[in-house]
C-alpha atoms as a PDB file:
ATOM      1  CA  MET A   1      -2.449  19.952 -23.307  1.00  0.00           C
ATOM      2  CA  ALA A   2      -4.743  17.603 -21.254  1.00  0.00           C
ATOM      3  CA  GLY A   3      -4.218  17.966 -17.374  1.00  0.00           C
ATOM      4  CA  LEU A   4      -5.892  17.624 -13.955  1.00  0.00           C
ATOM      5  CA  SER A   5      -6.064  19.993 -11.375  1.00  0.00           C
ATOM      6  CA  LEU A   6      -4.300  18.648  -8.122  1.00  0.00           C
ATOM      7  CA  ARG A   7      -4.977  20.153  -4.806  1.00  0.00           C
ATOM      8  CA  ILE A   8      -1.889  20.663  -2.780  1.00  0.00           C
ATOM      9  CA  ALA A   9      -1.735  21.358   1.259  1.00  0.00           C
ATOM     10  CA  ALA A  10       0.327  23.734   2.004  1.00  0.00           C
ATOM     11  CA  VAL A  11       1.336  24.844   6.115  1.00  0.00           C
ATOM     12  CA  ASN A  12       0.106  28.457   5.409  1.00  0.00           C
ATOM     13  CA  ASP A  13      -2.279  28.340   2.273  1.00  0.00           C
ATOM     14  CA  LEU A  14      -4.895  25.038   1.843  1.00  0.00           C
ATOM     15  CA  THR A  15      -6.558  26.798  -0.916  1.00  0.00           C
ATOM     16  CA  THR A  16      -3.085  26.091  -3.510  1.00  0.00           C
ATOM     17  CA  THR A  17      -4.047  24.285  -6.545  1.00  0.00           C
ATOM     18  CA  THR A  18      -1.235  23.110  -9.173  1.00  0.00           C
ATOM     19  CA  GLU A  19      -1.916  21.991 -12.605  1.00  0.00           C
ATOM     20  CA  VAL A  20      -0.133  18.943 -13.202  1.00  0.00           C
ATOM     21  CA  PRO A  21      -0.328  17.521 -16.867  1.00  0.00           C
ATOM     22  CA  LEU A  22      -2.312  14.331 -17.901  1.00  0.00           C
ATOM     23  CA  VAL A  23       0.887  12.487 -19.428  1.00  0.00           C
ATOM     24  CA  ASP A  24       2.948  13.175 -15.995  1.00  0.00           C
ATOM     25  CA  ILE A  25       0.297  11.410 -13.709  1.00  0.00           C
ATOM     26  CA  ILE A  26      -0.109   8.243 -16.201  1.00  0.00           C
ATOM     27  CA  ASP A  27       3.892   8.040 -16.108  1.00  0.00           C
ATOM     28  CA  ARG A  28       3.653   8.076 -12.153  1.00  0.00           C
ATOM     29  CA  LEU A  29       0.973   5.523 -12.325  1.00  0.00           C
ATOM     30  CA  LEU A  30       3.171   3.350 -14.457  1.00  0.00           C
ATOM     31  CA  GLU A  31       6.005   3.692 -12.685  1.00  0.00           C
ATOM     32  CA  ARG A  32       4.679   2.580  -9.439  1.00  0.00           C
ATOM     33  CA  GLY A  33       1.725   0.457 -10.609  1.00  0.00           C
ATOM     34  CA  VAL A  34      -1.495   0.590 -10.618  1.00  0.00           C
ATOM     35  CA  VAL A  35      -4.220  -2.402 -10.085  1.00  0.00           C
ATOM     36  CA  LEU A  36      -7.728  -1.897 -11.131  1.00  0.00           C
ATOM     37  CA  ALA A  37     -10.315  -4.550  -9.747  1.00  0.00           C
ATOM     38  CA  GLY A  38     -14.289  -4.441 -10.555  1.00  0.00           C
ATOM     39  CA  SER A  39     -17.189  -6.600 -10.725  1.00  0.00           C
ATOM     40  CA  ALA A  40     -20.649  -7.058 -12.929  1.00  0.00           C
ATOM     41  CA  THR A  41     -23.523  -9.223 -12.325  1.00  0.00           C
ATOM     42  CA  ILE A  42     -26.104  -9.925 -14.778  1.00  0.00           C
ATOM     43  CA  ALA A  43     -29.360 -10.938 -13.378  1.00  0.00           C
ATOM     44  CA  VAL A  44     -32.887 -11.819 -14.569  1.00  0.00           C
ATOM     45  CA  ALA A  45     -35.747 -11.231 -12.727  1.00  0.00           C
ATOM     46  CA  GLY A  46     -34.028 -11.004  -9.676  1.00  0.00           C
ATOM     47  CA  VAL A  47     -31.956 -14.225  -9.834  1.00  0.00           C
ATOM     48  CA  ASP A  48     -28.199 -13.618 -10.352  1.00  0.00           C
ATOM     49  CA  LEU A  49     -26.987 -15.792 -13.726  1.00  0.00           C
ATOM     50  CA  ILE A  50     -23.717 -14.382 -14.274  1.00  0.00           C
ATOM     51  CA  GLU A  51     -21.014 -12.935 -11.901  1.00  0.00           C
ATOM     52  CA  LEU A  52     -17.970 -11.077 -13.704  1.00  0.00           C
ATOM     53  CA  ARG A  53     -15.038 -10.066 -11.634  1.00  0.00           C
ATOM     54  CA  LEU A  54     -11.958  -8.244 -13.307  1.00  0.00           C
ATOM     55  CA  SER A  55      -8.693  -7.354 -12.007  1.00  0.00           C
ATOM     56  CA  VAL A  56      -6.070  -5.658 -14.598  1.00  0.00           C
ATOM     57  CA  LEU A  57      -2.100  -4.410 -13.453  1.00  0.00           C
ATOM     58  CA  LEU A  58      -1.005  -1.356 -15.062  1.00  0.00           C
ATOM     59  CA  ALA A  59       2.670  -1.052 -14.785  1.00  0.00           C
ATOM     60  CA  SER A  60       5.631  -0.371 -16.972  1.00  0.00           C
ATOM     61  CA  VAL A  61       8.177  -3.621 -17.731  1.00  0.00           C
ATOM     62  CA  ASP A  62      10.716  -1.712 -15.585  1.00  0.00           C
ATOM     63  CA  ALA A  63       8.672  -1.393 -12.569  1.00  0.00           C
ATOM     64  CA  LEU A  64       7.574  -5.239 -12.813  1.00  0.00           C
ATOM     65  CA  GLU A  65      11.314  -5.952 -13.302  1.00  0.00           C
ATOM     66  CA  ARG A  66      12.323  -3.812 -10.105  1.00  0.00           C
ATOM     67  CA  ARG A  67       9.301  -5.644  -7.975  1.00  0.00           C
ATOM     68  CA  THR A  68      10.446  -9.096  -8.659  1.00  0.00           C
ATOM     69  CA  ARG A  69      14.178  -7.958  -7.662  1.00  0.00           C
ATOM     70  CA  GLY A  70      12.772  -6.547  -4.515  1.00  0.00           C
ATOM     71  CA  GLU A  71      13.760  -3.257  -5.512  1.00  0.00           C
ATOM     72  CA  VAL A  72      11.503   0.077  -4.308  1.00  0.00           C
ATOM     73  CA  ALA A  73      10.451   2.525  -7.096  1.00  0.00           C
ATOM     74  CA  ARG A  74      11.628   5.841  -6.602  1.00  0.00           C
END
């Protein structure tokens, strides 16, 4: 199963690492919600012709409903 290595700062041992499955990371992101933002500029001969900006909100429906009701995520 895919996973990412996360470093956890402990009081006595700062080099401890823990493997967290990728599915757990995605679950946490969708539970809280995350905004991805980016931009791109298309230019010809040093002249900006088109500027694209994109913002995407990724969250579960349940997280969005809680947010609209004013509840705090776990």
